[in-house]
């Protein structure tokens, strides 16, 4: 079990580090910016349907909110999977009322 976890950790670190080593000077941007550039390139008269209600004061705050959103989603999914696994391990036991 420990060997499997160490192997998975090694592969994860390698998948993160290898692109950064080979493409160290590359710009890693989000898909939103790419889509906006392409739409503007295809149709210069395009006007967005709506604008943001609130713009974060800095890129760091925006990144923080994005990470918090991802962590909350991962926490919910992990809780749900753990709950369902625990419920199924109980077998045919009745749930007390």
N, C-alpha and C. Protein backbone atom coordinates (compact mmCIF):
# COMPACT_ATOMS: atom_id res chain seq x y z
N UNK A 1 0.83 -1.19 0.00
CA UNK A 1 0.00 0.00 0.00
C UNK A 1 0.87 1.25 0.00
N UNK A 2 1.89 1.27 0.84
CA UNK A 2 2.77 2.43 0.93
C UNK A 2 3.54 2.63 -0.37
N UNK A 3 3.94 1.53 -1.02
CA UNK A 3 4.65 1.63 -2.29
C UNK A 3 3.75 2.23 -3.37
N UNK A 4 2.47 1.82 -3.37
CA UNK A 4 1.53 2.37 -4.35
C UNK A 4 1.34 3.86 -4.15
N UNK A 5 1.19 4.29 -2.90
CA UNK A 5 1.01 5.71 -2.62
C UNK A 5 2.24 6.51 -3.00
N UNK A 6 3.43 5.98 -2.72
CA UNK A 6 4.67 6.67 -3.08
C UNK A 6 4.79 6.77 -4.58
N UNK A 7 4.42 5.73 -5.30
CA UNK A 7 4.47 5.75 -6.76
C UNK A 7 3.51 6.79 -7.33
N UNK A 8 2.30 6.84 -6.81
CA UNK A 8 1.31 7.83 -7.26
C UNK A 8 1.79 9.24 -6.97
N UNK A 9 2.38 9.46 -5.80
CA UNK A 9 2.92 10.78 -5.46
C UNK A 9 4.05 11.16 -6.41
N UNK A 10 4.93 10.23 -6.71
CA UNK A 10 6.03 10.50 -7.63
C UNK A 10 5.51 10.86 -9.01
N UNK A 11 4.55 10.12 -9.53
CA UNK A 11 3.97 10.40 -10.85
C UNK A 11 3.31 11.78 -10.85
N UNK A 12 2.60 12.11 -9.79
CA UNK A 12 1.93 13.41 -9.71
C UNK A 12 2.95 14.55 -9.74
N UNK A 13 3.99 14.43 -8.97
CA UNK A 13 5.03 15.47 -8.94
C UNK A 13 5.71 15.57 -10.31
N UNK A 14 5.95 14.43 -10.95
CA UNK A 14 6.57 14.44 -12.27
C UNK A 14 5.66 15.13 -13.29
N UNK A 15 4.37 14.84 -13.24
CA UNK A 15 3.44 15.48 -14.18
C UNK A 15 3.35 16.99 -13.98
N UNK A 16 3.59 17.45 -12.78
CA UNK A 16 3.58 18.89 -12.52
C UNK A 16 4.90 19.53 -12.95
N UNK A 17 6.01 18.88 -12.65
CA UNK A 17 7.33 19.49 -12.86
C UNK A 17 7.83 19.40 -14.29
N UNK A 18 7.58 18.32 -14.99
CA UNK A 18 8.13 18.14 -16.33
C UNK A 18 7.70 19.25 -17.29
N UNK A 19 6.42 19.62 -17.38
CA UNK A 19 6.07 20.73 -18.27
C UNK A 19 6.72 22.06 -17.86
N UNK A 20 6.88 22.28 -16.57
CA UNK A 20 7.50 23.52 -16.12
C UNK A 20 8.98 23.56 -16.47
N UNK A 21 9.64 22.40 -16.48
CA UNK A 21 11.05 22.35 -16.84
C UNK A 21 11.24 22.57 -18.34
N UNK A 22 10.47 21.90 -19.17
CA UNK A 22 10.64 21.99 -20.61
C UNK A 22 10.05 23.26 -21.21
N UNK A 23 9.02 23.83 -20.61
CA UNK A 23 8.39 25.06 -21.09
C UNK A 23 8.45 26.13 -20.01
N UNK A 24 9.61 26.40 -19.49
CA UNK A 24 9.76 27.33 -18.37
C UNK A 24 9.33 28.75 -18.68
N UNK A 25 9.49 29.19 -19.93
CA UNK A 25 9.15 30.58 -20.28
C UNK A 25 7.76 30.71 -20.89
N UNK A 26 6.99 29.65 -20.90
CA UNK A 26 5.66 29.69 -21.50
C UNK A 26 4.68 30.43 -20.60
N UNK A 27 3.68 31.01 -21.22
CA UNK A 27 2.62 31.68 -20.48
C UNK A 27 1.48 30.67 -20.28
N UNK A 28 1.11 30.47 -19.05
CA UNK A 28 0.02 29.55 -18.74
C UNK A 28 -1.21 30.38 -18.41
N UNK A 29 -2.06 30.58 -19.39
CA UNK A 29 -3.27 31.38 -19.19
C UNK A 29 -4.49 30.49 -19.19
N UNK A 30 -5.59 31.08 -18.77
CA UNK A 30 -6.84 30.33 -18.73
C UNK A 30 -7.54 30.32 -20.08
N UNK A 31 -8.56 29.50 -20.17
CA UNK A 31 -9.32 29.37 -21.40
C UNK A 31 -10.18 30.60 -21.66
N UNK A 32 -10.52 31.36 -20.62
CA UNK A 32 -11.35 32.54 -20.79
C UNK A 32 -10.67 33.57 -21.69
N UNK A 33 -9.40 33.81 -21.43
CA UNK A 33 -8.66 34.78 -22.23
C UNK A 33 -8.51 34.33 -23.67
N UNK A 34 -8.28 33.04 -23.88
CA UNK A 34 -8.16 32.50 -25.23
C UNK A 34 -9.47 32.67 -26.00
N UNK A 35 -10.58 32.37 -25.36
CA UNK A 35 -11.89 32.49 -26.01
C UNK A 35 -12.19 33.94 -26.36
N UNK A 36 -11.89 34.85 -25.46
CA UNK A 36 -12.14 36.27 -25.70
C UNK A 36 -11.33 36.77 -26.89
N UNK A 37 -10.07 36.37 -26.97
CA UNK A 37 -9.24 36.79 -28.10
C UNK A 37 -9.77 36.24 -29.41
N UNK A 38 -10.18 34.98 -29.43
CA UNK A 38 -10.68 34.36 -30.66
C UNK A 38 -11.99 35.01 -31.10
N UNK A 39 -12.89 35.28 -30.17
CA UNK A 39 -14.17 35.91 -30.53
C UNK A 39 -13.93 37.30 -31.10
N UNK A 40 -13.05 38.06 -30.48
CA UNK A 40 -12.74 39.41 -30.96
C UNK A 40 -12.08 39.35 -32.33
N UNK A 41 -11.25 38.35 -32.56
CA UNK A 41 -10.58 38.19 -33.84
C UNK A 41 -11.58 37.85 -34.95
N UNK A 42 -12.56 37.00 -34.64
CA UNK A 42 -13.55 36.58 -35.63
C UNK A 42 -14.60 37.65 -35.90
N UNK A 43 -15.00 38.38 -34.86
CA UNK A 43 -16.04 39.39 -35.01
C UNK A 43 -15.68 40.59 -34.14
N UNK A 44 -15.11 41.61 -34.77
CA UNK A 44 -14.64 42.77 -34.01
C UNK A 44 -15.77 43.60 -33.41
N UNK A 45 -16.98 43.47 -33.96
CA UNK A 45 -18.10 44.26 -33.44
C UNK A 45 -18.87 43.54 -32.33
N UNK A 46 -18.36 42.40 -31.87
CA UNK A 46 -19.04 41.63 -30.83
C UNK A 46 -19.06 42.41 -29.52
N UNK A 47 -20.23 42.44 -28.89
CA UNK A 47 -20.38 43.07 -27.58
C UNK A 47 -20.87 42.00 -26.60
N UNK A 48 -20.23 41.88 -25.43
CA UNK A 48 -20.67 40.87 -24.45
C UNK A 48 -22.11 41.11 -24.02
N UNK A 49 -22.80 40.04 -23.66
CA UNK A 49 -24.19 40.12 -23.23
C UNK A 49 -24.32 40.76 -21.87
N UNK A 50 -23.36 40.51 -21.00
CA UNK A 50 -23.41 41.07 -19.65
C UNK A 50 -21.99 41.25 -19.14
N UNK A 51 -21.87 41.97 -18.05
CA UNK A 51 -20.55 42.16 -17.44
C UNK A 51 -20.59 41.65 -16.00
N UNK A 52 -19.43 41.47 -15.41
CA UNK A 52 -19.35 40.96 -14.05
C UNK A 52 -19.98 41.93 -13.07
N UNK A 53 -20.62 41.38 -12.04
CA UNK A 53 -21.21 42.20 -10.99
C UNK A 53 -20.11 42.80 -10.12
N UNK A 54 -19.10 41.97 -9.83
CA UNK A 54 -18.01 42.41 -8.95
C UNK A 54 -16.70 41.92 -9.53
N UNK A 55 -15.74 42.78 -9.61
CA UNK A 55 -14.41 42.43 -10.09
C UNK A 55 -13.47 42.37 -8.89
N UNK A 56 -12.77 41.25 -8.66
CA UNK A 56 -11.84 41.18 -7.54
C UNK A 56 -10.76 42.27 -7.66
N UNK A 57 -10.29 42.79 -6.52
CA UNK A 57 -9.34 43.90 -6.56
C UNK A 57 -7.98 43.54 -7.16
N UNK A 58 -7.60 42.25 -7.14
CA UNK A 58 -6.31 41.88 -7.72
C UNK A 58 -6.37 40.45 -8.25
N UNK A 59 -5.36 40.09 -9.02
CA UNK A 59 -5.29 38.74 -9.56
C UNK A 59 -5.10 37.70 -8.47
N UNK A 60 -4.42 38.09 -7.39
CA UNK A 60 -4.20 37.15 -6.29
C UNK A 60 -5.51 36.79 -5.60
N UNK A 61 -6.37 37.79 -5.41
CA UNK A 61 -7.68 37.53 -4.79
C UNK A 61 -8.52 36.66 -5.71
N UNK A 62 -8.45 36.92 -7.00
CA UNK A 62 -9.20 36.12 -7.97
C UNK A 62 -8.72 34.66 -7.92
N UNK A 63 -7.41 34.46 -7.85
CA UNK A 63 -6.86 33.11 -7.75
C UNK A 63 -7.29 32.44 -6.45
N UNK A 64 -7.27 33.20 -5.36
CA UNK A 64 -7.69 32.65 -4.06
C UNK A 64 -9.14 32.18 -4.12
N UNK A 65 -10.02 32.98 -4.68
CA UNK A 65 -11.43 32.60 -4.78
C UNK A 65 -11.61 31.37 -5.65
N UNK A 66 -10.83 31.29 -6.73
CA UNK A 66 -10.90 30.13 -7.61
C UNK A 66 -10.46 28.87 -6.89
N UNK A 67 -9.38 28.97 -6.11
CA UNK A 67 -8.88 27.82 -5.36
C UNK A 67 -9.87 27.41 -4.28
N UNK A 68 -10.47 28.38 -3.60
CA UNK A 68 -11.46 28.07 -2.57
C UNK A 68 -12.67 27.36 -3.17
N UNK A 69 -13.08 27.80 -4.34
CA UNK A 69 -14.20 27.16 -5.02
C UNK A 69 -13.85 25.71 -5.37
N UNK A 70 -12.66 25.49 -5.88
CA UNK A 70 -12.23 24.13 -6.20
C UNK A 70 -12.11 23.26 -4.96
N UNK A 71 -11.59 23.83 -3.87
CA UNK A 71 -11.45 23.07 -2.62
C UNK A 71 -12.82 22.70 -2.05
N UNK A 72 -13.76 23.62 -2.12
CA UNK A 72 -15.11 23.33 -1.62
C UNK A 72 -15.75 22.22 -2.46
N UNK A 73 -15.58 22.26 -3.76
CA UNK A 73 -16.13 21.22 -4.63
C UNK A 73 -15.48 19.87 -4.37
N UNK A 74 -14.15 19.87 -4.21
CA UNK A 74 -13.44 18.61 -3.93
C UNK A 74 -13.84 18.07 -2.56
N UNK A 75 -14.02 18.95 -1.58
CA UNK A 75 -14.46 18.51 -0.25
C UNK A 75 -15.84 17.89 -0.30
N UNK A 76 -16.74 18.50 -1.05
CA UNK A 76 -18.09 17.96 -1.18
C UNK A 76 -18.07 16.59 -1.85
N UNK A 77 -17.32 16.47 -2.94
CA UNK A 77 -17.24 15.20 -3.65
C UNK A 77 -16.61 14.13 -2.75
N UNK A 78 -15.53 14.48 -2.05
CA UNK A 78 -14.89 13.53 -1.14
C UNK A 78 -15.82 13.09 -0.02
N UNK A 79 -16.56 14.03 0.55
CA UNK A 79 -17.52 13.69 1.60
C UNK A 79 -18.59 12.75 1.06
N UNK A 80 -19.12 13.05 -0.11
CA UNK A 80 -20.17 12.23 -0.69
C UNK A 80 -19.68 10.81 -0.97
N UNK A 81 -18.48 10.70 -1.56
CA UNK A 81 -17.94 9.37 -1.85
C UNK A 81 -17.70 8.61 -0.55
N UNK A 82 -17.13 9.28 0.47
CA UNK A 82 -16.91 8.63 1.76
C UNK A 82 -18.20 8.21 2.43
N UNK A 83 -19.21 9.06 2.34
CA UNK A 83 -20.51 8.74 2.93
C UNK A 83 -21.13 7.52 2.26
N UNK A 84 -21.10 7.51 0.93
CA UNK A 84 -21.69 6.39 0.20
C UNK A 84 -20.90 5.10 0.45
N UNK A 85 -19.60 5.20 0.53
CA UNK A 85 -18.78 4.01 0.78
C UNK A 85 -19.06 3.47 2.19
N UNK A 86 -19.14 4.36 3.16
CA UNK A 86 -19.45 3.93 4.52
C UNK A 86 -20.83 3.33 4.63
N UNK A 87 -21.77 3.88 3.93
CA UNK A 87 -23.13 3.36 3.95
C UNK A 87 -23.19 1.97 3.32
N UNK A 88 -22.44 1.80 2.24
CA UNK A 88 -22.45 0.51 1.55
C UNK A 88 -21.67 -0.55 2.34
N UNK A 89 -20.70 -0.18 3.11
CA UNK A 89 -19.93 -1.15 3.92
C UNK A 89 -20.78 -1.72 5.05
N UNK A 90 -21.82 -1.02 5.41
CA UNK A 90 -22.69 -1.50 6.48
C UNK A 90 -23.49 -2.71 6.06
N UNK A 91 -23.50 -2.99 4.80
CA UNK A 91 -24.23 -4.18 4.31
C UNK A 91 -25.72 -3.94 4.35
N UNK A 92 -26.45 -4.90 4.87
CA UNK A 92 -27.90 -4.82 4.92
C UNK A 92 -28.41 -4.32 6.25
N UNK A 93 -27.55 -3.71 7.02
CA UNK A 93 -27.98 -3.22 8.34
C UNK A 93 -29.01 -2.11 8.15
N UNK A 94 -30.00 -2.13 9.05
CA UNK A 94 -31.03 -1.10 8.98
C UNK A 94 -30.52 0.19 9.60
N UNK A 95 -30.98 1.29 9.06
CA UNK A 95 -30.62 2.59 9.57
C UNK A 95 -31.54 2.91 10.74
N UNK A 96 -30.98 3.21 11.93
CA UNK A 96 -31.86 3.52 13.08
C UNK A 96 -32.61 4.81 12.84
N UNK A 97 -33.85 4.83 13.34
CA UNK A 97 -34.68 6.04 13.18
C UNK A 97 -34.72 6.84 14.44
